[in-house]
PDB file of N, CA and C in Angstrom:
ATOM      1  N   MET A   1     -18.582-114.486 209.803  1.00  0.00           N
ATOM      2  CA  MET A   1     -16.467-114.296 209.223  1.00  0.00           C
ATOM      3  C   MET A   1     -16.680-115.801 207.737  1.00  0.00           C
ATOM      4  N   ARG A   2     -16.281-114.695 207.121  1.00  0.00           N
ATOM      5  CA  ARG A   2     -16.382-115.071 205.814  1.00  0.00           C
ATOM      6  C   ARG A   2     -14.929-115.211 205.380  1.00  0.00           C
ATOM      7  N   VAL A   3     -13.817-116.603 204.807  1.00  0.00           N
ATOM      8  CA  VAL A   3     -12.596-116.555 204.807  1.00  0.00           C
ATOM      9  C   VAL A   3     -12.613-116.950 202.996  1.00  0.00           C
ATOM     10  N   THR A   4     -12.013-116.333 202.024  1.00  0.00           N
ATOM     11  CA  THR A   4     -11.573-116.562 200.947  1.00  0.00           C
ATOM     12  C   THR A   4     -10.370-116.653 200.540  1.00  0.00           C
ATOM     13  N   THR A   5      -9.599-117.642 199.598  1.00  0.00           N
ATOM     14  CA  THR A   5      -8.797-117.936 199.379  1.00  0.00           C
ATOM     15  C   THR A   5      -8.707-118.457 197.692  1.00  0.00           C
ATOM     16  N   SER A   6      -7.401-118.422 196.993  1.00  0.00           N
ATOM     17  CA  SER A   6      -7.675-118.593 195.922  1.00  0.00           C
ATOM     18  C   SER A   6      -7.710-120.197 195.500  1.00  0.00           C
ATOM     19  N   PRO A   7      -8.123-120.881 194.824  1.00  0.00           N
ATOM     20  CA  PRO A   7      -8.167-122.539 194.353  1.00  0.00           C
ATOM     21  C   PRO A   7      -6.736-122.985 194.827  1.00  0.00           C
ATOM     22  N   GLY A   8      -5.759-122.549 193.899  1.00  0.00           N
ATOM     23  CA  GLY A   8      -3.887-123.023 194.401  1.00  0.00           C
ATOM     24  C   GLY A   8      -3.694-123.226 196.211  1.00  0.00           C
ATOM     25  N   GLU A   9      -4.022-121.814 196.607  1.00  0.00           N
ATOM     26  CA  GLU A   9      -3.993-122.197 198.314  1.00  0.00           C
ATOM     27  C   GLU A   9      -4.497-122.806 199.029  1.00  0.00           C
ATOM     28  N   LYS A  10      -6.101-123.025 198.606  1.00  0.00           N
ATOM     29  CA  LYS A  10      -6.906-123.675 198.796  1.00  0.00           C
ATOM     30  C   LYS A  10      -5.875-125.638 199.098  1.00  0.00           C
ATOM     31  N   LEU A  11      -5.718-125.653 197.436  1.00  0.00           N
ATOM     32  CA  LEU A  11      -5.100-126.904 197.764  1.00  0.00           C
ATOM     33  C   LEU A  11      -3.640-127.301 198.475  1.00  0.00           C
ATOM     34  N   ARG A  12      -3.140-126.154 198.860  1.00  0.00           N
ATOM     35  CA  ARG A  12      -1.856-125.967 199.596  1.00  0.00           C
ATOM     36  C   ARG A  12      -2.224-126.503 200.507  1.00  0.00           C
ATOM     37  N   LEU A  13      -3.078-125.557 201.346  1.00  0.00           N
ATOM     38  CA  LEU A  13      -3.533-125.243 202.526  1.00  0.00           C
ATOM     39  C   LEU A  13      -4.310-127.192 203.251  1.00  0.00           C
ATOM     40  N   ASP A  14      -4.916-127.391 201.711  1.00  0.00           N
ATOM     41  CA  ASP A  14      -5.401-128.368 202.067  1.00  0.00           C
ATOM     42  C   ASP A  14      -4.195-129.708 202.345  1.00  0.00           C
ATOM     43  N   ALA A  15      -3.463-129.802 201.715  1.00  0.00           N
ATOM     44  CA  ALA A  15      -1.980-130.801 201.663  1.00  0.00           C
ATOM     45  C   ALA A  15      -1.695-130.378 202.397  1.00  0.00           C
ATOM     46  N   ARG A  16      -1.188-129.780 203.212  1.00  0.00           N
ATOM     47  CA  ARG A  16      -0.703-129.161 204.450  1.00  0.00           C
ATOM     48  C   ARG A  16      -1.426-129.610 205.627  1.00  0.00           C
ATOM     49  N   LEU A  17      -2.711-129.840 205.860  1.00  0.00           N
ATOM     50  CA  LEU A  17      -3.862-130.616 207.309  1.00  0.00           C
ATOM     51  C   LEU A  17      -3.952-131.542 206.787  1.00  0.00           C
ATOM     52  N   ALA A  18      -3.226-132.211 205.543  1.00  0.00           N
ATOM     53  CA  ALA A  18      -3.390-133.696 205.588  1.00  0.00           C
ATOM     54  C   ALA A  18      -1.939-134.344 206.087  1.00  0.00           C
ATOM     55  N   ARG A  19      -1.249-133.729 205.220  1.00  0.00           N
ATOM     56  CA  ARG A  19       0.603-133.679 206.280  1.00  0.00           C
ATOM     57  C   ARG A  19       0.241-134.100 207.461  1.00  0.00           C
ATOM     58  N   GLN A  20      -0.155-132.655 208.092  1.00  0.00           N
ATOM     59  CA  GLN A  20      -0.632-133.156 209.721  1.00  0.00           C
ATOM     60  C   GLN A  20      -0.750-133.762 210.180  1.00  0.00           C
ATOM     61  N   GLN A  21      -2.060-134.082 209.664  1.00  0.00           N
ATOM     62  CA  GLN A  21      -2.993-135.412 210.076  1.00  0.00           C
ATOM     63  C   GLN A  21      -2.155-136.481 209.878  1.00  0.00           C
ATOM     64  N   ARG A  22      -1.625-137.009 209.042  1.00  0.00           N
ATOM     65  CA  ARG A  22      -1.125-138.086 208.790  1.00  0.00           C
ATOM     66  C   ARG A  22       0.048-138.460 209.742  1.00  0.00           C
ATOM     67  N   GLU A  23       0.831-137.623 210.072  1.00  0.00           N
ATOM     68  CA  GLU A  23       1.972-136.678 211.174  1.00  0.00           C
ATOM     69  C   GLU A  23       1.490-137.453 212.621  1.00  0.00           C
ATOM     70  N   LEU A  24       0.256-136.744 212.438  1.00  0.00           N
ATOM     71  CA  LEU A  24      -0.216-136.989 213.939  1.00  0.00           C
ATOM     72  C   LEU A  24      -0.482-138.582 214.237  1.00  0.00           C
ATOM     73  N   GLU A  25      -1.394-138.975 213.408  1.00  0.00           N
ATOM     74  CA  GLU A  25      -1.529-140.417 213.216  1.00  0.00           C
ATOM     75  C   GLU A  25      -0.038-142.002 213.162  1.00  0.00           C
ATOM     76  N   GLU A  26       0.503-141.186 213.313  1.00  0.00           N
ATOM     77  CA  GLU A  26       2.207-142.101 213.316  1.00  0.00           C
ATOM     78  C   GLU A  26       2.578-141.373 214.572  1.00  0.00           C
ATOM     79  N   LEU A  27       2.503-140.918 215.171  1.00  0.00           N
ATOM     80  CA  LEU A  27       2.809-140.555 216.243  1.00  0.00           C
ATOM     81  C   LEU A  27       1.666-140.853 217.307  1.00  0.00           C
ATOM     82  N   HIS A  28       0.479-140.940 216.956  1.00  0.00           N
ATOM     83  CA  HIS A  28      -0.130-142.347 218.158  1.00  0.00           C
ATOM     84  C   HIS A  28       0.291-143.687 217.793  1.00  0.00           C
ATOM     85  N   ALA A  29       0.456-144.306 216.317  1.00  0.00           N
ATOM     86  CA  ALA A  29       0.449-145.104 216.037  1.00  0.00           C
ATOM     87  C   ALA A  29       1.954-145.757 217.329  1.00  0.00           C
ATOM     88  N   ALA A  30       3.183-144.701 217.783  1.00  0.00           N
ATOM     89  CA  ALA A  30       4.204-145.010 217.734  1.00  0.00           C
ATOM     90  C   ALA A  30       4.548-145.473 218.932  1.00  0.00           C
ATOM     91  N   ASN A  31       3.287-144.346 219.981  1.00  0.00           N
ATOM     92  CA  ASN A  31       2.810-144.786 221.198  1.00  0.00           C
ATOM     93  C   ASN A  31       2.415-145.352 221.519  1.00  0.00           C
ATOM     94  N   PRO A  32       3.104-146.447 222.876  1.00  0.00           N
ATOM     95  CA  PRO A  32       2.643-147.916 223.538  1.00  0.00           C
ATOM     96  C   PRO A  32       0.933-147.588 223.670  1.00  0.00           C
ATOM     97  N   ARG A  33       0.685-148.582 223.762  1.00  0.00           N
ATOM     98  CA  ARG A  33      -1.384-148.602 224.461  1.00  0.00           C
ATOM     99  C   ARG A  33      -1.081-148.943 225.896  1.00  0.00           C
ATOM    100  N   PRO A  34      -2.182-148.062 226.482  1.00  0.00           N
ATOM    101  CA  PRO A  34      -2.389-148.405 227.579  1.00  0.00           C
ATOM    102  C   PRO A  34      -2.713-149.537 228.096  1.00  0.00           C
ATOM    103  N   VAL A  35      -1.833-150.273 229.643  1.00  0.00           N
ATOM    104  CA  VAL A  35      -2.550-151.907 229.805  1.00  0.00           C
ATOM    105  C   VAL A  35      -3.008-151.703 231.028  1.00  0.00           C
ATOM    106  N   LEU A  36      -4.147-152.371 230.900  1.00  0.00           N
ATOM    107  CA  LEU A  36      -4.856-152.265 232.755  1.00  0.00           C
ATOM    108  C   LEU A  36      -4.374-153.661 233.000  1.00  0.00           C
ATOM    109  N   TRP A  37      -3.012-153.265 234.036  1.00  0.00           N
ATOM    110  CA  TRP A  37      -2.750-153.983 235.237  1.00  0.00           C
ATOM    111  C   TRP A  37      -3.709-154.894 236.705  1.00  0.00           C
ATOM    112  N   LYS A  38      -4.626-154.079 236.826  1.00  0.00           N
ATOM    113  CA  LYS A  38      -5.428-154.319 238.043  1.00  0.00           C
ATOM    114  C   LYS A  38      -6.654-153.373 238.248  1.00  0.00           C
ATOM    115  N   LYS A  39      -7.492-153.784 238.518  1.00  0.00           N
ATOM    116  CA  LYS A  39      -8.730-152.861 238.063  1.00  0.00           C
ATOM    117  C   LYS A  39      -9.459-153.092 240.107  1.00  0.00           C
ATOM    118  N   ILE A  40      -8.983-151.002 240.286  1.00  0.00           N
ATOM    119  CA  ILE A  40     -10.014-151.535 242.054  1.00  0.00           C
ATOM    120  C   ILE A  40     -10.654-150.378 242.413  1.00  0.00           C
ATOM    121  N   LYS A  41     -12.220-150.417 242.865  1.00  0.00           N
ATOM    122  CA  LYS A  41     -12.589-149.788 242.890  1.00  0.00           C
ATOM    123  C   LYS A  41     -11.870-148.529 243.693  1.00  0.00           C
ATOM    124  N   THR A  42     -12.727-147.456 243.121  1.00  0.00           N
ATOM    125  CA  THR A  42     -12.373-145.873 243.545  1.00  0.00           C
ATOM    126  C   THR A  42     -13.706-144.957 244.352  1.00  0.00           C
ATOM    127  N   GLU A  43     -14.683-145.657 244.711  1.00  0.00           N
ATOM    128  CA  GLU A  43     -15.590-145.237 244.937  1.00  0.00           C
ATOM    129  C   GLU A  43     -15.024-143.831 246.779  1.00  0.00           C
ATOM    130  N   GLY A  44     -15.782-143.092 247.029  1.00  0.00           N
ATOM    131  CA  GLY A  44     -14.819-142.545 247.686  1.00  0.00           C
ATOM    132  C   GLY A  44     -13.368-141.605 247.816  1.00  0.00           C
ATOM    133  N   PHE A  45     -12.890-142.316 246.696  1.00  0.00           N
ATOM    134  CA  PHE A  45     -11.351-141.783 246.892  1.00  0.00           C
ATOM    135  C   PHE A  45     -12.340-139.987 246.264  1.00  0.00           C
ATOM    136  N   GLY A  46     -10.958-139.251 246.873  1.00  0.00           N
ATOM    137  CA  GLY A  46     -10.909-137.395 246.663  1.00  0.00           C
ATOM    138  C   GLY A  46      -9.641-137.258 246.370  1.00  0.00           C
ATOM    139  N   ALA A  47      -9.690-135.670 246.452  1.00  0.00           N
ATOM    140  CA  ALA A  47      -7.668-135.010 245.874  1.00  0.00           C
ATOM    141  C   ALA A  47      -7.976-133.886 247.410  1.00  0.00           C
ATOM    142  N   GLY A  48      -6.578-133.933 247.183  1.00  0.00           N
ATOM    143  CA  GLY A  48      -6.076-132.689 248.135  1.00  0.00           C
ATOM    144  C   GLY A  48      -4.848-132.324 247.726  1.00  0.00           C
ATOM    145  N   ARG A  49      -5.402-130.888 247.023  1.00  0.00           N
ATOM    146  CA  ARG A  49      -3.512-130.832 246.167  1.00  0.00           C
ATOM    147  C   ARG A  49      -2.958-131.351 245.940  1.00  0.00           C
ATOM    148  N   ASN A  50      -1.509-131.693 246.376  1.00  0.00           N
ATOM    149  CA  ASN A  50      -0.531-133.087 246.105  1.00  0.00           C
ATOM    150  C   ASN A  50      -1.068-134.826 246.462  1.00  0.00           C
ATOM    151  N   LEU A  51      -2.067-134.937 247.327  1.00  0.00           N
ATOM    152  CA  LEU A  51      -2.350-136.205 247.810  1.00  0.00           C
ATOM    153  C   LEU A  51      -3.479-136.298 247.428  1.00  0.00           C
ATOM    154  N   ARG A  52      -3.600-138.029 247.297  1.00  0.00           N
ATOM    155  CA  ARG A  52      -4.516-138.737 246.367  1.00  0.00           C
ATOM    156  C   ARG A  52      -5.371-139.827 247.910  1.00  0.00           C
ATOM    157  N   PHE A  53      -6.479-139.746 247.964  1.00  0.00           N
ATOM    158  CA  PHE A  53      -7.001-140.448 249.104  1.00  0.00           C
ATOM    159  C   PHE A  53      -8.345-141.329 248.419  1.00  0.00           C
ATOM    160  N   GLY A  54      -7.780-142.783 249.100  1.00  0.00           N
ATOM    161  CA  GLY A  54      -9.123-143.963 249.304  1.00  0.00           C
ATOM    162  C   GLY A  54      -8.918-144.860 249.648  1.00  0.00           C
ATOM    163  N   GLU A  55      -9.463-145.535 249.683  1.00  0.00           N
ATOM    164  CA  GLU A  55      -8.975-147.192 250.619  1.00  0.00           C
ATOM    165  C   GLU A  55      -8.532-147.767 249.720  1.00  0.00           C
ATOM    166  N   LEU A  56      -7.198-148.117 250.409  1.00  0.00           N
ATOM    167  CA  LEU A  56      -6.098-149.041 249.321  1.00  0.00           C
ATOM    168  C   LEU A  56      -5.771-150.655 250.328  1.00  0.00           C
ATOM    169  N   ASP A  57      -5.899-150.869 251.564  1.00  0.00           N
ATOM    170  CA  ASP A  57      -5.300-151.435 252.220  1.00  0.00           C
ATOM    171  C   ASP A  57      -6.466-151.894 252.556  1.00  0.00           C
ATOM    172  N   GLY A  58      -7.677-152.202 253.019  1.00  0.00           N
ATOM    173  CA  GLY A  58      -8.834-152.836 253.360  1.00  0.00           C
ATOM    174  C   GLY A  58      -9.184-153.015 254.798  1.00  0.00           C
ATOM    175  N   ASP A  59      -8.443-151.742 255.663  1.00  0.00           N
ATOM    176  CA  ASP A  59      -8.813-151.928 256.821  1.00  0.00           C
ATOM    177  C   ASP A  59     -10.754-150.908 257.296  1.00  0.00           C
ATOM    178  N   GLY A  60     -10.807-149.711 256.085  1.00  0.00           N
ATOM    179  CA  GLY A  60     -11.641-149.129 256.431  1.00  0.00           C
ATOM    180  C   GLY A  60     -11.660-147.456 256.581  1.00  0.00           C
ATOM    181  N   HIS A  61     -10.104-147.935 256.170  1.00  0.00           N
ATOM    182  CA  HIS A  61      -9.633-145.991 256.553  1.00  0.00           C
ATOM    183  C   HIS A  61      -8.824-145.442 255.126  1.00  0.00           C
ATOM    184  N   PRO A  62     -10.015-144.170 254.832  1.00  0.00           N
ATOM    185  CA  PRO A  62      -9.051-143.113 254.103  1.00  0.00           C
ATOM    186  C   PRO A  62      -7.414-143.905 253.743  1.00  0.00           C
ATOM    187  N   ASP A  63      -6.641-143.833 253.347  1.00  0.00           N
ATOM    188  CA  ASP A  63      -5.046-144.055 253.378  1.00  0.00           C
ATOM    189  C   ASP A  63      -4.733-142.911 252.178  1.00  0.00           C
ATOM    190  N   MET A  64      -3.988-142.141 252.366  1.00  0.00           N
ATOM    191  CA  MET A  64      -2.998-141.238 251.328  1.00  0.00           C
ATOM    192  C   MET A  64      -1.881-142.117 250.361  1.00  0.00           C
ATOM    193  N   CYS A  65      -1.969-141.556 249.276  1.00  0.00           N
ATOM    194  CA  CYS A  65      -1.159-141.811 248.088  1.00  0.00           C
ATOM    195  C   CYS A  65      -0.196-140.848 247.956  1.00  0.00           C
ATOM    196  N   ASN A  66       0.970-140.981 248.168  1.00  0.00           N
ATOM    197  CA  ASN A  66       2.202-139.373 248.566  1.00  0.00           C
ATOM    198  C   ASN A  66       2.699-139.602 246.657  1.00  0.00           C
ATOM    199  N   ALA A  67       3.010-140.338 246.283  1.00  0.00           N
ATOM    200  CA  ALA A  67       3.224-140.837 244.083  1.00  0.00           C
ATOM    201  C   ALA A  67       3.127-141.813 244.351  1.00  0.00           C
ATOM    202  N   VAL A  68       3.274-141.213 242.832  1.00  0.00           N
ATOM    203  CA  VAL A  68       2.882-142.921 241.692  1.00  0.00           C
ATOM    204  C   VAL A  68       4.671-142.954 241.386  1.00  0.00           C
ATOM    205  N   LEU A  69       5.869-143.422 241.681  1.00  0.00           N
ATOM    206  CA  LEU A  69       6.860-143.475 241.243  1.00  0.00           C
ATOM    207  C   LEU A  69       7.510-145.089 240.826  1.00  0.00           C
ATOM    208  N   ASP A  70       8.253-144.478 240.115  1.00  0.00           N
ATOM    209  CA  ASP A  70       9.232-145.861 239.978  1.00  0.00           C
ATOM    210  C   ASP A  70      10.775-145.717 240.494  1.00  0.00           C
ATOM    211  N   ILE A  71      10.198-146.266 242.202  1.00  0.00           N
ATOM    212  CA  ILE A  71      10.976-146.791 243.110  1.00  0.00           C
ATOM    213  C   ILE A  71      11.906-147.870 243.163  1.00  0.00           C
ATOM    214  N   THR A  72      11.599-149.036 242.327  1.00  0.00           N
ATOM    215  CA  THR A  72      12.642-150.467 242.046  1.00  0.00           C
ATOM    216  C   THR A  72      12.993-150.378 240.563  1.00  0.00           C
ATOM    217  N   GLY A  73      12.976-149.233 239.920  1.00  0.00           N
ATOM    218  CA  GLY A  73      13.651-149.092 238.642  1.00  0.00           C
ATOM    219  C   GLY A  73      13.617-149.950 237.856  1.00  0.00           C
ATOM    220  N   ASP A  74      12.410-151.192 237.924  1.00  0.00           N
ATOM    221  CA  ASP A  74      11.959-151.357 236.091  1.00  0.00           C
ATOM    222  C   ASP A  74      12.140-151.224 235.507  1.00  0.00           C
ATOM    223  N   CYS A  75      11.266-149.856 235.550  1.00  0.00           N
ATOM    224  CA  CYS A  75      10.388-149.288 234.527  1.00  0.00           C
ATOM    225  C   CYS A  75       9.075-149.328 235.219  1.00  0.00           C
ATOM    226  N   ARG A  76       8.261-149.655 235.993  1.00  0.00           N
ATOM    227  CA  ARG A  76       7.198-149.848 236.254  1.00  0.00           C
ATOM    228  C   ARG A  76       6.552-149.623 237.793  1.00  0.00           C
ATOM    229  N   ASP A  77       5.758-148.473 237.580  1.00  0.00           N
ATOM    230  CA  ASP A  77       5.732-147.409 239.008  1.00  0.00           C
ATOM    231  C   ASP A  77       4.874-148.185 240.316  1.00  0.00           C
ATOM    232  N   GLU A  78       5.346-147.783 240.747  1.00  0.00           N
ATOM    233  CA  GLU A  78       5.149-147.901 242.184  1.00  0.00           C
ATOM    234  C   GLU A  78       3.961-147.017 242.845  1.00  0.00           C
ATOM    235  N   VAL A  79       2.916-147.696 243.841  1.00  0.00           N
ATOM    236  CA  VAL A  79       2.383-147.204 244.491  1.00  0.00           C
ATOM    237  C   VAL A  79       2.835-146.466 245.863  1.00  0.00           C
ATOM    238  N   VAL A  80       2.765-145.386 246.825  1.00  0.00           N
ATOM    239  CA  VAL A  80       3.386-145.396 248.038  1.00  0.00           C
ATOM    240  C   VAL A  80       1.871-144.936 248.460  1.00  0.00           C
ATOM    241  N   VAL A  81       2.268-145.763 249.517  1.00  0.00           N
ATOM    242  CA  VAL A  81       0.678-145.772 250.543  1.00  0.00           C
ATOM    243  C   VAL A  81       1.520-145.205 251.984  1.00  0.00           C
ATOM    244  N   TRP A  82       1.288-144.457 252.959  1.00  0.00           N
ATOM    245  CA  TRP A  82       1.606-144.038 254.111  1.00  0.00           C
ATOM    246  C   TRP A  82       0.137-144.085 254.744  1.00  0.00           C
ATOM    247  N   LYS A  83       0.799-143.964 256.409  1.00  0.00           N
ATOM    248  CA  LYS A  83      -0.438-143.383 257.065  1.00  0.00           C
ATOM    249  C   LYS A  83       0.517-143.234 258.466  1.00  0.00           C
ATOM    250  N   PRO A  84       0.210-142.954 260.085  1.00  0.00           N
ATOM    251  CA  PRO A  84       1.590-142.460 260.476  1.00  0.00           C
ATOM    252  C   PRO A  84       2.288-144.089 261.616  1.00  0.00           C
ATOM    253  N   GLN A  85       1.646-145.125 261.148  1.00  0.00           N
ATOM    254  CA  GLN A  85       2.527-146.185 261.728  1.00  0.00           C
ATOM    255  C   GLN A  85       3.042-146.881 260.504  1.00  0.00           C
ATOM    256  N   GLU A  86       3.055-146.635 259.268  1.00  0.00           N
ATOM    257  CA  GLU A  86       3.323-147.571 257.984  1.00  0.00           C
ATOM    258  C   GLU A  86       3.518-147.661 257.145  1.00  0.00           C
ATOM    259  N   ILE A  87       4.285-147.943 256.058  1.00  0.00           N
ATOM    260  CA  ILE A  87       3.775-147.067 255.103  1.00  0.00           C
ATOM    261  C   ILE A  87       3.879-148.905 253.807  1.00  0.00           C
ATOM    262  N   TRP A  88       3.419-148.154 252.689  1.00  0.00           N
ATOM    263  CA  TRP A  88       3.112-149.655 252.153  1.00  0.00           C
ATOM    264  C   TRP A  88       3.800-149.101 250.835  1.00  0.00           C
ATOM    265  N   VAL A  89       4.527-150.349 249.968  1.00  0.00           N
ATOM    266  CA  VAL A  89       4.380-149.721 248.241  1.00  0.00           C
ATOM    267  C   VAL A  89       4.046-150.568 247.676  1.00  0.00           C
ATOM    268  N   TYR A  90       2.855-150.790 247.245  1.00  0.00           N
ATOM    269  CA  TYR A  90       2.456-151.328 246.092  1.00  0.00           C
ATOM    270  C   TYR A  90       3.261-151.129 244.547  1.00  0.00           C
ATOM    271  N   THR A  91       3.043-153.160 244.715  1.00  0.00           N
ATOM    272  CA  THR A  91       4.511-152.970 243.332  1.00  0.00           C
ATOM    273  C   THR A  91       4.099-154.643 242.078  1.00  0.00           C
ATOM    274  N   GLN A  92       4.595-154.689 241.304  1.00  0.00           N
ATOM    275  CA  GLN A  92       3.848-155.960 240.582  1.00  0.00           C
ATOM    276  C   GLN A  92       4.747-156.934 241.322  1.00  0.00           C
ATOM    277  N   PRO A  93       4.694-158.203 241.721  1.00  0.00           N
ATOM    278  CA  PRO A  93       4.928-159.852 241.659  1.00  0.00           C
ATOM    279  C   PRO A  93       6.239-160.088 241.030  1.00  0.00           C
ATOM    280  N   ASP A  94       6.043-159.984 239.931  1.00  0.00           N
ATOM    281  CA  ASP A  94       6.988-160.527 238.599  1.00  0.00           C
ATOM    282  C   ASP A  94       8.132-159.154 238.022  1.00  0.00           C
ATOM    283  N   SER A  95       8.687-159.902 237.404  1.00  0.00           N
ATOM    284  CA  SER A  95       9.842-159.461 236.933  1.00  0.00           C
ATOM    285  C   SER A  95       9.105-158.756 235.191  1.00  0.00           C
ATOM    286  N   PRO A  96       9.315-157.568 234.959  1.00  0.00           N
ATOM    287  CA  PRO A  96       8.816-156.854 233.637  1.00  0.00           C
ATOM    288  C   PRO A  96       9.850-157.378 232.416  1.00  0.00           C
ATOM    289  N   LYS A  97       8.477-157.284 231.099  1.00  0.00           N
ATOM    290  CA  LYS A  97       9.220-157.938 229.898  1.00  0.00           C
ATOM    291  C   LYS A  97      10.958-157.561 229.592  1.00  0.00           C
ATOM    292  N   ALA A  98      11.476-158.738 229.237  1.00  0.00           N
ATOM    293  CA  ALA A  98      12.776-157.839 228.321  1.00  0.00           C
ATOM    294  C   ALA A  98      12.401-157.729 227.862  1.00  0.00           C
ATOM    295  N   GLY A  99      13.736-156.744 226.813  1.00  0.00           N
ATOM    296  CA  GLY A  99      13.420-156.041 226.005  1.00  0.00           C
ATOM    297  C   GLY A  99      13.373-153.970 226.056  1.00  0.00           C
ATOM    298  N   ARG A 100      13.339-153.648 225.168  1.00  0.00           N
ATOM    299  CA  ARG A 100      12.863-152.029 225.204  1.00  0.00           C
ATOM    300  C   ARG A 100      11.829-152.009 225.794  1.00  0.00           C
ATOM    301  N   LEU A 101      11.700-151.582 226.710  1.00  0.00           N
ATOM    302  CA  LEU A 101      10.659-150.762 227.504  1.00  0.00           C
ATOM    303  C   LEU A 101      10.197-149.552 227.555  1.00  0.00           C
ATOM    304  N   TYR A 102       8.681-149.228 227.954  1.00  0.00           N
ATOM    305  CA  TYR A 102       8.825-147.286 228.013  1.00  0.00           C
ATOM    306  C   TYR A 102       8.831-146.990 229.359  1.00  0.00           C
ATOM    307  N   ARG A 103       9.802-146.079 229.468  1.00  0.00           N
ATOM    308  CA  ARG A 103      10.251-145.591 230.570  1.00  0.00           C
ATOM    309  C   ARG A 103      10.100-143.919 230.887  1.00  0.00           C
ATOM    310  N   PRO A 104       9.042-143.258 230.502  1.00  0.00           N
ATOM    311  CA  PRO A 104       8.728-141.905 230.842  1.00  0.00           C
ATOM    312  C   PRO A 104      10.194-141.452 231.203  1.00  0.00           C
ATOM    313  N   ARG A 105      10.989-140.694 231.305  1.00  0.00           N
ATOM    314  CA  ARG A 105      11.908-139.678 232.090  1.00  0.00           C
ATOM    315  C   ARG A 105      10.887-138.661 233.134  1.00  0.00           C
ATOM    316  N   ARG A 106      11.203-138.284 234.143  1.00  0.00           N
ATOM    317  CA  ARG A 106      10.577-137.907 235.208  1.00  0.00           C
ATOM    318  C   ARG A 106      11.459-137.280 235.967  1.00  0.00           C
ATOM    319  N   ASN A 107      10.906-136.417 236.958  1.00  0.00           N
ATOM    320  CA  ASN A 107      12.201-135.128 237.532  1.00  0.00           C
ATOM    321  C   ASN A 107      12.437-136.898 238.785  1.00  0.00           C
ATOM    322  N   PRO A 108      13.823-136.736 238.770  1.00  0.00           N
ATOM    323  CA  PRO A 108      14.954-137.676 240.003  1.00  0.00           C
ATOM    324  C   PRO A 108      14.191-137.821 240.777  1.00  0.00           C
ATOM    325  N   LEU A 109      14.301-138.697 241.967  1.00  0.00           N
ATOM    326  CA  LEU A 109      13.841-139.280 242.911  1.00  0.00           C
ATOM    327  C   LEU A 109      14.371-137.981 243.936  1.00  0.00           C
ATOM    328  N   TYR A 110      15.513-137.638 243.637  1.00  0.00           N
ATOM    329  CA  TYR A 110      16.554-137.466 245.254  1.00  0.00           C
ATOM    330  C   TYR A 110      15.903-135.237 244.977  1.00  0.00           C
ATOM    331  N   ASN A 111      15.223-135.415 243.683  1.00  0.00           N
ATOM    332  CA  ASN A 111      15.239-133.831 244.213  1.00  0.00           C
ATOM    333  C   ASN A 111      13.743-133.685 243.979  1.00  0.00           C
ATOM    334  N   TYR A 112      13.055-134.737 244.965  1.00  0.00           N
ATOM    335  CA  TYR A 112      11.372-134.752 244.575  1.00  0.00           C
ATOM    336  C   TYR A 112      10.944-133.908 245.835  1.00  0.00           C
ATOM    337  N   SER A 113       9.809-133.528 245.768  1.00  0.00           N
ATOM    338  CA  SER A 113       9.178-132.628 246.637  1.00  0.00           C
ATOM    339  C   SER A 113       7.390-132.736 246.221  1.00  0.00           C
ATOM    340  N   ASN A 114       6.513-131.913 246.963  1.00  0.00           N
ATOM    341  CA  ASN A 114       5.331-131.807 246.973  1.00  0.00           C
ATOM    342  C   ASN A 114       5.217-130.368 246.103  1.00  0.00           C
ATOM    343  N   TYR A 115       5.791-129.483 246.252  1.00  0.00           N
ATOM    344  CA  TYR A 115       6.200-128.163 245.572  1.00  0.00           C
ATOM    345  C   TYR A 115       6.578-128.344 244.212  1.00  0.00           C
ATOM    346  N   GLN A 116       7.049-129.430 243.783  1.00  0.00           N
ATOM    347  CA  GLN A 116       8.072-129.421 242.259  1.00  0.00           C
ATOM    348  C   GLN A 116       6.648-129.612 241.384  1.00  0.00           C
ATOM    349  N   ALA A 117       7.376-129.027 239.948  1.00  0.00           N
ATOM    350  CA  ALA A 117       6.766-129.215 239.000  1.00  0.00           C
ATOM    351  C   ALA A 117       7.036-130.607 238.656  1.00  0.00           C
ATOM    352  N   THR A 118       6.365-130.697 238.107  1.00  0.00           N
ATOM    353  CA  THR A 118       6.690-132.550 238.065  1.00  0.00           C
ATOM    354  C   THR A 118       6.093-132.653 236.256  1.00  0.00           C
ATOM    355  N   ILE A 119       7.357-133.917 235.559  1.00  0.00           N
ATOM    356  CA  ILE A 119       7.585-133.897 234.521  1.00  0.00           C
ATOM    357  C   ILE A 119       7.059-134.996 234.054  1.00  0.00           C
ATOM    358  N   SER A 120       6.710-135.760 233.110  1.00  0.00           N
ATOM    359  CA  SER A 120       6.892-137.214 232.671  1.00  0.00           C
ATOM    360  C   SER A 120       7.015-136.575 230.877  1.00  0.00           C
ATOM    361  N   LEU A 121       8.108-136.750 230.364  1.00  0.00           N
ATOM    362  CA  LEU A 121       8.459-136.903 229.104  1.00  0.00           C
ATOM    363  C   LEU A 121       8.340-138.347 228.331  1.00  0.00           C
ATOM    364  N   PRO A 122       8.314-138.673 227.199  1.00  0.00           N
ATOM    365  CA  PRO A 122       8.313-140.238 227.025  1.00  0.00           C
ATOM    366  C   PRO A 122       9.784-140.274 226.701  1.00  0.00           C
ATOM    367  N   GLY A 123      10.217-141.566 226.721  1.00  0.00           N
ATOM    368  CA  GLY A 123      11.609-142.504 227.188  1.00  0.00           C
ATOM    369  C   GLY A 123      11.284-144.034 227.360  1.00  0.00           C
ATOM    370  N   TRP A 124      12.424-144.320 226.811  1.00  0.00           N
ATOM    371  CA  TRP A 124      12.655-145.959 226.579  1.00  0.00           C
ATOM    372  C   TRP A 124      13.910-146.674 227.557  1.00  0.00           C
ATOM    373  N   SER A 125      13.720-147.173 228.237  1.00  0.00           N
ATOM    374  CA  SER A 125      14.889-148.290 228.399  1.00  0.00           C
ATOM    375  C   SER A 125      15.719-148.456 227.005  1.00  0.00           C
ATOM    376  N   GLN A 126      16.994-149.205 227.567  1.00  0.00           N
ATOM    377  CA  GLN A 126      18.171-149.395 227.061  1.00  0.00           C
ATOM    378  C   GLN A 126      17.966-150.568 226.700  1.00  0.00           C
TER     379      GLN A 126
END
């Protein structure tokens, strides 16, 4: 396929593409960069529908991770892991940084379901 156009239209399209590229770069620059909190080995991890399986607590048996949620309300996610006998909540030992923090808007916890359509939209703390 060959597309042809006038020189004036080509200039207009090039300017439009350059503007869109600048806007995209500005959006990327405005988003927070990922921060590595801790590395964990994930050999043997797998997935089954909405559940995540892996060895997290060192007892040699796979654990099920139901959700990664901000259950403490400090803008940072916790990992909830359970077994029939116990529930583990992995969280950070320190307080979050002060000031405006990245806090994505998500489904409310009171309405949480394994069958929901989960959203995570950009947002910030007050």
